ModelCIF file with pLDDT and N, C-alpha, C, O atoms, coordinates in Angstrom:
data_MODEL
#
_entry.id   MODEL 
#
_entity.id                         1 
_entity.type                       polymer 
_entity.pdbx_number_of_molecules   1 
#
_entity_poly.entity_id                      1 
_entity_poly.type                           'polypeptide(L)' 
_entity_poly.nstd_linkage                   no 
_entity_poly.nstd_monomer                   no 
_entity_poly.pdbx_seq_one_letter_code       
;(UNK)(UNK)(UNK)(UNK)(UNK)(UNK)(UNK)(UNK)(UNK)(UNK)(UNK)(UNK)(UNK)(UNK)(UNK)(UNK)
(UNK)(UNK)(UNK)(UNK)(UNK)(UNK)(UNK)(UNK)(UNK)(UNK)(UNK)(UNK)(UNK)(UNK)(UNK)(UNK)
(UNK)(UNK)(UNK)(UNK)(UNK)(UNK)(UNK)(UNK)(UNK)(UNK)(UNK)(UNK)(UNK)(UNK)
;
_entity_poly.pdbx_seq_one_letter_code_can   XXXXXXXXXXXXXXXXXXXXXXXXXXXXXXXXXXXXXXXXXXXXXX 
_entity_poly.pdbx_strand_id                 A 
#
loop_
_entity_poly_seq.entity_id 
_entity_poly_seq.num 
_entity_poly_seq.mon_id 
_entity_poly_seq.hetero 
1 1  UNK n 
1 2  UNK n 
1 3  UNK n 
1 4  UNK n 
1 5  UNK n 
1 6  UNK n 
1 7  UNK n 
1 8  UNK n 
1 9  UNK n 
1 10 UNK n 
1 11 UNK n 
1 12 UNK n 
1 13 UNK n 
1 14 UNK n 
1 15 UNK n 
1 16 UNK n 
1 17 UNK n 
1 18 UNK n 
1 19 UNK n 
1 20 UNK n 
1 21 UNK n 
1 22 UNK n 
1 23 UNK n 
1 24 UNK n 
1 25 UNK n 
1 26 UNK n 
1 27 UNK n 
1 28 UNK n 
1 29 UNK n 
1 30 UNK n 
1 31 UNK n 
1 32 UNK n 
1 33 UNK n 
1 34 UNK n 
1 35 UNK n 
1 36 UNK n 
1 37 UNK n 
1 38 UNK n 
1 39 UNK n 
1 40 UNK n 
1 41 UNK n 
1 42 UNK n 
1 43 UNK n 
1 44 UNK n 
1 45 UNK n 
1 46 UNK n 
#
_struct_asym.id          A 
_struct_asym.entity_id   1 
#
loop_
_ma_qa_metric.id 
_ma_qa_metric.mode 
_ma_qa_metric.name 
_ma_qa_metric.software_group_id 
_ma_qa_metric.type 
1 global pLDDT . pLDDT 
2 local  pLDDT . pLDDT 
#
_ma_qa_metric_global.metric_id      1 
_ma_qa_metric_global.metric_value   95.50 
_ma_qa_metric_global.model_id       1 
_ma_qa_metric_global.ordinal_id     1 
#
loop_
_ma_qa_metric_local.label_asym_id 
_ma_qa_metric_local.label_comp_id 
_ma_qa_metric_local.label_seq_id 
_ma_qa_metric_local.metric_id 
_ma_qa_metric_local.metric_value 
_ma_qa_metric_local.model_id 
_ma_qa_metric_local.ordinal_id 
A UNK 1  2 97.00 1 1  
A UNK 2  2 97.00 1 2  
A UNK 3  2 98.00 1 3  
A UNK 4  2 97.00 1 4  
A UNK 5  2 97.00 1 5  
A UNK 6  2 96.00 1 6  
A UNK 7  2 93.00 1 7  
A UNK 8  2 91.00 1 8  
A UNK 9  2 90.00 1 9  
A UNK 10 2 85.00 1 10 
A UNK 11 2 90.00 1 11 
A UNK 12 2 92.00 1 12 
A UNK 13 2 95.00 1 13 
A UNK 14 2 93.00 1 14 
A UNK 15 2 92.00 1 15 
A UNK 16 2 94.00 1 16 
A UNK 17 2 97.00 1 17 
A UNK 18 2 96.00 1 18 
A UNK 19 2 95.00 1 19 
A UNK 20 2 97.00 1 20 
A UNK 21 2 97.00 1 21 
A UNK 22 2 96.00 1 22 
A UNK 23 2 96.00 1 23 
A UNK 24 2 97.00 1 24 
A UNK 25 2 96.00 1 25 
A UNK 26 2 96.00 1 26 
A UNK 27 2 97.00 1 27 
A UNK 28 2 97.00 1 28 
A UNK 29 2 97.00 1 29 
A UNK 30 2 97.00 1 30 
A UNK 31 2 97.00 1 31 
A UNK 32 2 97.00 1 32 
A UNK 33 2 97.00 1 33 
A UNK 34 2 97.00 1 34 
A UNK 35 2 97.00 1 35 
A UNK 36 2 96.00 1 36 
A UNK 37 2 97.00 1 37 
A UNK 38 2 97.00 1 38 
A UNK 39 2 95.00 1 39 
A UNK 40 2 96.00 1 40 
A UNK 41 2 97.00 1 41 
A UNK 42 2 96.00 1 42 
A UNK 43 2 95.00 1 43 
A UNK 44 2 97.00 1 44 
A UNK 45 2 97.00 1 45 
A UNK 46 2 97.00 1 46 
#
loop_
_atom_site.group_PDB 
_atom_site.id 
_atom_site.type_symbol 
_atom_site.label_atom_id 
_atom_site.label_alt_id 
_atom_site.label_comp_id 
_atom_site.label_asym_id 
_atom_site.label_entity_id 
_atom_site.label_seq_id 
_atom_site.pdbx_PDB_ins_code 
_atom_site.Cartn_x 
_atom_site.Cartn_y 
_atom_site.Cartn_z 
_atom_site.occupancy 
_atom_site.B_iso_or_equiv 
_atom_site.pdbx_formal_charge 
_atom_site.auth_seq_id 
_atom_site.auth_comp_id 
_atom_site.auth_asym_id 
_atom_site.auth_atom_id 
_atom_site.pdbx_PDB_model_num 
ATOM 1   N N  . UNK A 1 1  ? -15.155 7.766   -25.748 1.00 97.00 ? 1  UNK A N  1 
ATOM 2   C CA . UNK A 1 1  ? -15.744 9.304   -25.388 1.00 97.00 ? 1  UNK A CA 1 
ATOM 3   C C  . UNK A 1 1  ? -14.886 10.118  -25.324 1.00 97.00 ? 1  UNK A C  1 
ATOM 4   O O  . UNK A 1 1  ? -13.735 10.012  -24.900 1.00 97.00 ? 1  UNK A O  1 
ATOM 5   N N  . UNK A 1 2  ? -15.674 11.373  -25.945 1.00 97.00 ? 2  UNK A N  1 
ATOM 6   C CA . UNK A 1 2  ? -14.955 12.700  -26.237 1.00 97.00 ? 2  UNK A CA 1 
ATOM 7   C C  . UNK A 1 2  ? -15.200 13.805  -25.163 1.00 97.00 ? 2  UNK A C  1 
ATOM 8   O O  . UNK A 1 2  ? -14.931 14.995  -25.330 1.00 97.00 ? 2  UNK A O  1 
ATOM 9   N N  . UNK A 1 3  ? -15.787 13.217  -23.953 1.00 98.00 ? 3  UNK A N  1 
ATOM 10  C CA . UNK A 1 3  ? -16.099 14.326  -22.658 1.00 98.00 ? 3  UNK A CA 1 
ATOM 11  C C  . UNK A 1 3  ? -15.602 13.638  -21.686 1.00 98.00 ? 3  UNK A C  1 
ATOM 12  O O  . UNK A 1 3  ? -15.556 12.408  -21.665 1.00 98.00 ? 3  UNK A O  1 
ATOM 13  N N  . UNK A 1 4  ? -15.163 14.446  -20.745 1.00 97.00 ? 4  UNK A N  1 
ATOM 14  C CA . UNK A 1 4  ? -14.028 14.169  -19.595 1.00 97.00 ? 4  UNK A CA 1 
ATOM 15  C C  . UNK A 1 4  ? -14.835 14.839  -18.599 1.00 97.00 ? 4  UNK A C  1 
ATOM 16  O O  . UNK A 1 4  ? -15.027 16.007  -18.936 1.00 97.00 ? 4  UNK A O  1 
ATOM 17  N N  . UNK A 1 5  ? -15.406 14.523  -17.447 1.00 97.00 ? 5  UNK A N  1 
ATOM 18  C CA . UNK A 1 5  ? -15.796 14.842  -16.258 1.00 97.00 ? 5  UNK A CA 1 
ATOM 19  C C  . UNK A 1 5  ? -14.717 15.146  -15.062 1.00 97.00 ? 5  UNK A C  1 
ATOM 20  O O  . UNK A 1 5  ? -14.375 14.157  -14.412 1.00 97.00 ? 5  UNK A O  1 
ATOM 21  N N  . UNK A 1 6  ? -14.140 16.418  -14.700 1.00 96.00 ? 6  UNK A N  1 
ATOM 22  C CA . UNK A 1 6  ? -13.082 16.320  -13.845 1.00 96.00 ? 6  UNK A CA 1 
ATOM 23  C C  . UNK A 1 6  ? -13.955 16.869  -12.339 1.00 96.00 ? 6  UNK A C  1 
ATOM 24  O O  . UNK A 1 6  ? -14.808 17.756  -12.306 1.00 96.00 ? 6  UNK A O  1 
ATOM 25  N N  . UNK A 1 7  ? -13.442 16.037  -11.144 1.00 93.00 ? 7  UNK A N  1 
ATOM 26  C CA . UNK A 1 7  ? -14.032 16.091  -10.077 1.00 93.00 ? 7  UNK A CA 1 
ATOM 27  C C  . UNK A 1 7  ? -13.127 15.969  -8.736  1.00 93.00 ? 7  UNK A C  1 
ATOM 28  O O  . UNK A 1 7  ? -12.682 14.855  -8.457  1.00 93.00 ? 7  UNK A O  1 
ATOM 29  N N  . UNK A 1 8  ? -12.868 16.962  -7.981  1.00 91.00 ? 8  UNK A N  1 
ATOM 30  C CA . UNK A 1 8  ? -12.113 17.042  -6.632  1.00 91.00 ? 8  UNK A CA 1 
ATOM 31  C C  . UNK A 1 8  ? -12.497 15.678  -5.777  1.00 91.00 ? 8  UNK A C  1 
ATOM 32  O O  . UNK A 1 8  ? -13.627 15.297  -5.474  1.00 91.00 ? 8  UNK A O  1 
ATOM 33  N N  . UNK A 1 9  ? -11.211 15.048  -5.474  1.00 90.00 ? 9  UNK A N  1 
ATOM 34  C CA . UNK A 1 9  ? -11.373 13.389  -4.600  1.00 90.00 ? 9  UNK A CA 1 
ATOM 35  C C  . UNK A 1 9  ? -11.648 14.131  -2.932  1.00 90.00 ? 9  UNK A C  1 
ATOM 36  O O  . UNK A 1 9  ? -10.658 14.390  -2.248  1.00 90.00 ? 9  UNK A O  1 
ATOM 37  N N  . UNK A 1 10 ? -12.682 14.345  -2.541  1.00 85.00 ? 10 UNK A N  1 
ATOM 38  C CA . UNK A 1 10 ? -12.800 14.688  -1.101  1.00 85.00 ? 10 UNK A CA 1 
ATOM 39  C C  . UNK A 1 10 ? -13.266 13.532  -0.315  1.00 85.00 ? 10 UNK A C  1 
ATOM 40  O O  . UNK A 1 10 ? -13.723 13.806  0.794   1.00 85.00 ? 10 UNK A O  1 
ATOM 41  N N  . UNK A 1 11 ? -13.239 12.147  -0.711  1.00 90.00 ? 11 UNK A N  1 
ATOM 42  C CA . UNK A 1 11 ? -13.717 11.385  0.073   1.00 90.00 ? 11 UNK A CA 1 
ATOM 43  C C  . UNK A 1 11 ? -12.980 11.054  1.486   1.00 90.00 ? 11 UNK A C  1 
ATOM 44  O O  . UNK A 1 11 ? -11.783 11.338  1.533   1.00 90.00 ? 11 UNK A O  1 
ATOM 45  N N  . UNK A 1 12 ? -13.615 10.447  2.709   1.00 92.00 ? 12 UNK A N  1 
ATOM 46  C CA . UNK A 1 12 ? -12.477 10.027  3.469   1.00 92.00 ? 12 UNK A CA 1 
ATOM 47  C C  . UNK A 1 12 ? -11.376 9.441   3.740   1.00 92.00 ? 12 UNK A C  1 
ATOM 48  O O  . UNK A 1 12 ? -10.565 9.520   4.663   1.00 92.00 ? 12 UNK A O  1 
ATOM 49  N N  . UNK A 1 13 ? -11.517 8.474   2.230   1.00 95.00 ? 13 UNK A N  1 
ATOM 50  C CA . UNK A 1 13 ? -10.127 7.683   2.483   1.00 95.00 ? 13 UNK A CA 1 
ATOM 51  C C  . UNK A 1 13 ? -8.974  8.259   1.299   1.00 95.00 ? 13 UNK A C  1 
ATOM 52  O O  . UNK A 1 13 ? -7.845  7.800   1.122   1.00 95.00 ? 13 UNK A O  1 
ATOM 53  N N  . UNK A 1 14 ? -9.754  9.630   0.407   1.00 93.00 ? 14 UNK A N  1 
ATOM 54  C CA . UNK A 1 14 ? -8.368  10.511  -0.465  1.00 93.00 ? 14 UNK A CA 1 
ATOM 55  C C  . UNK A 1 14 ? -7.307  11.019  -0.061  1.00 93.00 ? 14 UNK A C  1 
ATOM 56  O O  . UNK A 1 14 ? -7.231  11.913  0.781   1.00 93.00 ? 14 UNK A O  1 
ATOM 57  N N  . UNK A 1 15 ? -6.310  10.438  -0.685  1.00 92.00 ? 15 UNK A N  1 
ATOM 58  C CA . UNK A 1 15 ? -5.028  11.019  -0.370  1.00 92.00 ? 15 UNK A CA 1 
ATOM 59  C C  . UNK A 1 15 ? -4.196  10.192  0.147   1.00 92.00 ? 15 UNK A C  1 
ATOM 60  O O  . UNK A 1 15 ? -4.706  9.072   0.114   1.00 92.00 ? 15 UNK A O  1 
ATOM 61  N N  . UNK A 1 16 ? -2.628  10.166  0.855   1.00 94.00 ? 16 UNK A N  1 
ATOM 62  C CA . UNK A 1 16 ? -1.858  9.468   1.183   1.00 94.00 ? 16 UNK A CA 1 
ATOM 63  C C  . UNK A 1 16 ? -1.425  9.045   2.802   1.00 94.00 ? 16 UNK A C  1 
ATOM 64  O O  . UNK A 1 16 ? -0.993  9.870   3.608   1.00 94.00 ? 16 UNK A O  1 
ATOM 65  N N  . UNK A 1 17 ? -1.576  7.984   3.017   1.00 97.00 ? 17 UNK A N  1 
ATOM 66  C CA . UNK A 1 17 ? -1.483  7.695   4.355   1.00 97.00 ? 17 UNK A CA 1 
ATOM 67  C C  . UNK A 1 17 ? -0.245  6.717   4.473   1.00 97.00 ? 17 UNK A C  1 
ATOM 68  O O  . UNK A 1 17 ? -0.016  6.066   3.454   1.00 97.00 ? 17 UNK A O  1 
ATOM 69  N N  . UNK A 1 18 ? 0.535   6.526   5.486   1.00 96.00 ? 18 UNK A N  1 
ATOM 70  C CA . UNK A 1 18 ? 2.051   6.032   5.560   1.00 96.00 ? 18 UNK A CA 1 
ATOM 71  C C  . UNK A 1 18 ? 1.791   5.570   7.167   1.00 96.00 ? 18 UNK A C  1 
ATOM 72  O O  . UNK A 1 18 ? 0.977   5.948   8.009   1.00 96.00 ? 18 UNK A O  1 
ATOM 73  N N  . UNK A 1 19 ? 2.669   4.760   7.180   1.00 95.00 ? 19 UNK A N  1 
ATOM 74  C CA . UNK A 1 19 ? 3.662   4.409   8.269   1.00 95.00 ? 19 UNK A CA 1 
ATOM 75  C C  . UNK A 1 19 ? 4.861   3.588   8.266   1.00 95.00 ? 19 UNK A C  1 
ATOM 76  O O  . UNK A 1 19 ? 5.234   2.989   7.258   1.00 95.00 ? 19 UNK A O  1 
ATOM 77  N N  . UNK A 1 20 ? 5.394   3.557   9.244   1.00 97.00 ? 20 UNK A N  1 
ATOM 78  C CA . UNK A 1 20 ? 6.600   3.291   9.619   1.00 97.00 ? 20 UNK A CA 1 
ATOM 79  C C  . UNK A 1 20 ? 6.638   1.702   9.987   1.00 97.00 ? 20 UNK A C  1 
ATOM 80  O O  . UNK A 1 20 ? 5.776   1.099   10.626  1.00 97.00 ? 20 UNK A O  1 
ATOM 81  N N  . UNK A 1 21 ? 7.822   1.172   9.441   1.00 97.00 ? 21 UNK A N  1 
ATOM 82  C CA . UNK A 1 21 ? 8.306   -0.368  9.867   1.00 97.00 ? 21 UNK A CA 1 
ATOM 83  C C  . UNK A 1 21 ? 9.653   0.118   10.637  1.00 97.00 ? 21 UNK A C  1 
ATOM 84  O O  . UNK A 1 21 ? 10.385  0.972   10.138  1.00 97.00 ? 21 UNK A O  1 
ATOM 85  N N  . UNK A 1 22 ? 9.922   -0.489  11.882  1.00 96.00 ? 22 UNK A N  1 
ATOM 86  C CA . UNK A 1 22 ? 11.010  -0.227  11.947  1.00 96.00 ? 22 UNK A CA 1 
ATOM 87  C C  . UNK A 1 22 ? 11.539  -1.505  13.185  1.00 96.00 ? 22 UNK A C  1 
ATOM 88  O O  . UNK A 1 22 ? 12.171  -1.295  14.221  1.00 96.00 ? 22 UNK A O  1 
ATOM 89  N N  . UNK A 1 23 ? 10.996  -2.929  12.612  1.00 96.00 ? 23 UNK A N  1 
ATOM 90  C CA . UNK A 1 23 ? 11.192  -3.960  13.663  1.00 96.00 ? 23 UNK A CA 1 
ATOM 91  C C  . UNK A 1 23 ? 10.827  -4.819  12.917  1.00 96.00 ? 23 UNK A C  1 
ATOM 92  O O  . UNK A 1 23 ? 10.043  -4.696  11.976  1.00 96.00 ? 23 UNK A O  1 
ATOM 93  N N  . UNK A 1 24 ? 11.681  -6.297  13.487  1.00 97.00 ? 24 UNK A N  1 
ATOM 94  C CA . UNK A 1 24 ? 11.290  -7.216  12.429  1.00 97.00 ? 24 UNK A CA 1 
ATOM 95  C C  . UNK A 1 24 ? 10.102  -8.087  12.579  1.00 97.00 ? 24 UNK A C  1 
ATOM 96  O O  . UNK A 1 24 ? 9.900   -8.951  11.726  1.00 97.00 ? 24 UNK A O  1 
ATOM 97  N N  . UNK A 1 25 ? 9.173   -7.919  13.736  1.00 96.00 ? 25 UNK A N  1 
ATOM 98  C CA . UNK A 1 25 ? 7.802   -8.168  14.071  1.00 96.00 ? 25 UNK A CA 1 
ATOM 99  C C  . UNK A 1 25 ? 6.904   -7.153  13.040  1.00 96.00 ? 25 UNK A C  1 
ATOM 100 O O  . UNK A 1 25 ? 6.161   -7.733  12.248  1.00 96.00 ? 25 UNK A O  1 
ATOM 101 N N  . UNK A 1 26 ? 6.922   -6.378  13.026  1.00 96.00 ? 26 UNK A N  1 
ATOM 102 C CA . UNK A 1 26 ? 6.137   -5.647  11.830  1.00 96.00 ? 26 UNK A CA 1 
ATOM 103 C C  . UNK A 1 26 ? 6.131   -5.790  10.493  1.00 96.00 ? 26 UNK A C  1 
ATOM 104 O O  . UNK A 1 26 ? 5.181   -5.771  9.710   1.00 96.00 ? 26 UNK A O  1 
ATOM 105 N N  . UNK A 1 27 ? 7.510   -5.966  10.271  1.00 97.00 ? 27 UNK A N  1 
ATOM 106 C CA . UNK A 1 27 ? 7.918   -6.228  9.047   1.00 97.00 ? 27 UNK A CA 1 
ATOM 107 C C  . UNK A 1 27 ? 7.210   -8.146  8.604   1.00 97.00 ? 27 UNK A C  1 
ATOM 108 O O  . UNK A 1 27 ? 6.590   -8.448  7.584   1.00 97.00 ? 27 UNK A O  1 
ATOM 109 N N  . UNK A 1 28 ? 7.497   -8.845  9.461   1.00 97.00 ? 28 UNK A N  1 
ATOM 110 C CA . UNK A 1 28 ? 6.886   -9.905  9.382   1.00 97.00 ? 28 UNK A CA 1 
ATOM 111 C C  . UNK A 1 28 ? 5.227   -10.176 9.322   1.00 97.00 ? 28 UNK A C  1 
ATOM 112 O O  . UNK A 1 28 ? 4.624   -11.001 8.636   1.00 97.00 ? 28 UNK A O  1 
ATOM 113 N N  . UNK A 1 29 ? 4.810   -9.398  10.081  1.00 97.00 ? 29 UNK A N  1 
ATOM 114 C CA . UNK A 1 29 ? 3.001   -9.343  9.999   1.00 97.00 ? 29 UNK A CA 1 
ATOM 115 C C  . UNK A 1 29 ? 2.657   -8.687  8.602   1.00 97.00 ? 29 UNK A C  1 
ATOM 116 O O  . UNK A 1 29 ? 1.745   -9.248  7.994   1.00 97.00 ? 29 UNK A O  1 
ATOM 117 N N  . UNK A 1 30 ? 3.268   -7.535  7.964   1.00 97.00 ? 30 UNK A N  1 
ATOM 118 C CA . UNK A 1 30 ? 3.111   -6.927  6.927   1.00 97.00 ? 30 UNK A CA 1 
ATOM 119 C C  . UNK A 1 30 ? 3.133   -7.815  5.760   1.00 97.00 ? 30 UNK A C  1 
ATOM 120 O O  . UNK A 1 30 ? 2.283   -7.804  4.869   1.00 97.00 ? 30 UNK A O  1 
ATOM 121 N N  . UNK A 1 31 ? 4.485   -8.832  5.838   1.00 97.00 ? 31 UNK A N  1 
ATOM 122 C CA . UNK A 1 31 ? 4.774   -9.500  4.970   1.00 97.00 ? 31 UNK A CA 1 
ATOM 123 C C  . UNK A 1 31 ? 3.628   -10.789 4.491   1.00 97.00 ? 31 UNK A C  1 
ATOM 124 O O  . UNK A 1 31 ? 3.245   -11.247 3.415   1.00 97.00 ? 31 UNK A O  1 
ATOM 125 N N  . UNK A 1 32 ? 3.289   -11.116 6.234   1.00 97.00 ? 32 UNK A N  1 
ATOM 126 C CA . UNK A 1 32 ? 2.305   -11.947 5.893   1.00 97.00 ? 32 UNK A CA 1 
ATOM 127 C C  . UNK A 1 32 ? 1.239   -11.876 5.086   1.00 97.00 ? 32 UNK A C  1 
ATOM 128 O O  . UNK A 1 32 ? 0.990   -12.695 4.201   1.00 97.00 ? 32 UNK A O  1 
ATOM 129 N N  . UNK A 1 33 ? 0.404   -10.648 5.430   1.00 97.00 ? 33 UNK A N  1 
ATOM 130 C CA . UNK A 1 33 ? -0.563  -10.132 4.122   1.00 97.00 ? 33 UNK A CA 1 
ATOM 131 C C  . UNK A 1 33 ? -0.230  -9.966  2.831   1.00 97.00 ? 33 UNK A C  1 
ATOM 132 O O  . UNK A 1 33 ? -1.199  -10.116 2.087   1.00 97.00 ? 33 UNK A O  1 
ATOM 133 N N  . UNK A 1 34 ? 0.988   -9.660  2.176   1.00 97.00 ? 34 UNK A N  1 
ATOM 134 C CA . UNK A 1 34 ? 1.059   -9.187  0.986   1.00 97.00 ? 34 UNK A CA 1 
ATOM 135 C C  . UNK A 1 34 ? 2.120   -9.688  0.168   1.00 97.00 ? 34 UNK A C  1 
ATOM 136 O O  . UNK A 1 34 ? 2.269   -9.394  -1.018  1.00 97.00 ? 34 UNK A O  1 
ATOM 137 N N  . UNK A 1 35 ? 3.039   -10.647 1.002   1.00 97.00 ? 35 UNK A N  1 
ATOM 138 C CA . UNK A 1 35 ? 3.872   -11.170 -0.146  1.00 97.00 ? 35 UNK A CA 1 
ATOM 139 C C  . UNK A 1 35 ? 3.185   -12.273 -0.844  1.00 97.00 ? 35 UNK A C  1 
ATOM 140 O O  . UNK A 1 35 ? 3.634   -12.639 -1.930  1.00 97.00 ? 35 UNK A O  1 
ATOM 141 N N  . UNK A 1 36 ? 2.283   -12.767 -0.406  1.00 96.00 ? 36 UNK A N  1 
ATOM 142 C CA . UNK A 1 36 ? 1.305   -13.688 -1.385  1.00 96.00 ? 36 UNK A CA 1 
ATOM 143 C C  . UNK A 1 36 ? 0.887   -12.831 -3.145  1.00 96.00 ? 36 UNK A C  1 
ATOM 144 O O  . UNK A 1 36 ? 0.651   -13.373 -4.225  1.00 96.00 ? 36 UNK A O  1 
ATOM 145 N N  . UNK A 1 37 ? 0.942   -11.439 -2.796  1.00 97.00 ? 37 UNK A N  1 
ATOM 146 C CA . UNK A 1 37 ? 0.519   -10.851 -4.179  1.00 97.00 ? 37 UNK A CA 1 
ATOM 147 C C  . UNK A 1 37 ? 1.286   -10.237 -4.537  1.00 97.00 ? 37 UNK A C  1 
ATOM 148 O O  . UNK A 1 37 ? 0.920   -9.570  -5.505  1.00 97.00 ? 37 UNK A O  1 
ATOM 149 N N  . UNK A 1 38 ? 2.768   -10.004 -4.094  1.00 97.00 ? 38 UNK A N  1 
ATOM 150 C CA . UNK A 1 38 ? 4.274   -9.555  -4.603  1.00 97.00 ? 38 UNK A CA 1 
ATOM 151 C C  . UNK A 1 38 ? 5.387   -10.232 -4.122  1.00 97.00 ? 38 UNK A C  1 
ATOM 152 O O  . UNK A 1 38 ? 5.898   -10.417 -3.018  1.00 97.00 ? 38 UNK A O  1 
ATOM 153 N N  . UNK A 1 39 ? 5.701   -10.670 -5.726  1.00 95.00 ? 39 UNK A N  1 
ATOM 154 C CA . UNK A 1 39 ? 7.055   -11.528 -5.578  1.00 95.00 ? 39 UNK A CA 1 
ATOM 155 C C  . UNK A 1 39 ? 7.998   -10.764 -5.125  1.00 95.00 ? 39 UNK A C  1 
ATOM 156 O O  . UNK A 1 39 ? 8.692   -11.368 -4.307  1.00 95.00 ? 39 UNK A O  1 
ATOM 157 N N  . UNK A 1 40 ? 8.318   -9.697  -5.307  1.00 96.00 ? 40 UNK A N  1 
ATOM 158 C CA . UNK A 1 40 ? 9.606   -8.979  -5.030  1.00 96.00 ? 40 UNK A CA 1 
ATOM 159 C C  . UNK A 1 40 ? 9.266   -8.358  -2.996  1.00 96.00 ? 40 UNK A C  1 
ATOM 160 O O  . UNK A 1 40 ? 10.226  -8.272  -2.231  1.00 96.00 ? 40 UNK A O  1 
ATOM 161 N N  . UNK A 1 41 ? 8.369   -8.154  -2.704  1.00 97.00 ? 41 UNK A N  1 
ATOM 162 C CA . UNK A 1 41 ? 8.186   -8.291  -1.215  1.00 97.00 ? 41 UNK A CA 1 
ATOM 163 C C  . UNK A 1 41 ? 8.138   -9.792  -0.893  1.00 97.00 ? 41 UNK A C  1 
ATOM 164 O O  . UNK A 1 41 ? 8.707   -9.895  0.194   1.00 97.00 ? 41 UNK A O  1 
ATOM 165 N N  . UNK A 1 42 ? 7.762   -10.934 -1.278  1.00 96.00 ? 42 UNK A N  1 
ATOM 166 C CA . UNK A 1 42 ? 8.243   -12.294 -0.701  1.00 96.00 ? 42 UNK A CA 1 
ATOM 167 C C  . UNK A 1 42 ? 9.875   -12.471 -0.818  1.00 96.00 ? 42 UNK A C  1 
ATOM 168 O O  . UNK A 1 42 ? 10.477  -13.300 -0.135  1.00 96.00 ? 42 UNK A O  1 
ATOM 169 N N  . UNK A 1 43 ? 10.363  -11.816 -1.526  1.00 95.00 ? 43 UNK A N  1 
ATOM 170 C CA . UNK A 1 43 ? 11.840  -11.902 -1.644  1.00 95.00 ? 43 UNK A CA 1 
ATOM 171 C C  . UNK A 1 43 ? 12.851  -11.671 -0.800  1.00 95.00 ? 43 UNK A C  1 
ATOM 172 O O  . UNK A 1 43 ? 13.933  -12.192 -0.528  1.00 95.00 ? 43 UNK A O  1 
ATOM 173 N N  . UNK A 1 44 ? 11.919  -10.327 -0.296  1.00 97.00 ? 44 UNK A N  1 
ATOM 174 C CA . UNK A 1 44 ? 13.013  -9.075  0.384   1.00 97.00 ? 44 UNK A CA 1 
ATOM 175 C C  . UNK A 1 44 ? 12.631  -10.241 1.833   1.00 97.00 ? 44 UNK A C  1 
ATOM 176 O O  . UNK A 1 44 ? 11.658  -10.977 2.001   1.00 97.00 ? 44 UNK A O  1 
ATOM 177 N N  . UNK A 1 45 ? 14.136  -9.943  2.902   1.00 97.00 ? 45 UNK A N  1 
ATOM 178 C CA . UNK A 1 45 ? 14.312  -10.279 3.990   1.00 97.00 ? 45 UNK A CA 1 
ATOM 179 C C  . UNK A 1 45 ? 14.424  -8.349  4.755   1.00 97.00 ? 45 UNK A C  1 
ATOM 180 O O  . UNK A 1 45 ? 14.555  -7.302  4.120   1.00 97.00 ? 45 UNK A O  1 
ATOM 181 N N  . UNK A 1 46 ? 14.308  -8.550  6.252   1.00 97.00 ? 46 UNK A N  1 
ATOM 182 C CA . UNK A 1 46 ? 14.310  -8.026  7.190   1.00 97.00 ? 46 UNK A CA 1 
ATOM 183 C C  . UNK A 1 46 ? 16.116  -7.639  7.013   1.00 97.00 ? 46 UNK A C  1 
ATOM 184 O O  . UNK A 1 46 ? 16.698  -6.995  7.887   1.00 97.00 ? 46 UNK A O  1 
#
């Protein structure tokens, strides 16, 4: 392509969202979901 179209990203999910983990229970819940697709997270202990 030699042409590009820029468009403002304004849908409902657009942008940055965050949450804090400060206990082992939440950490293990998060790790349960994502450790299977992240070797680094799988190796991390609380």
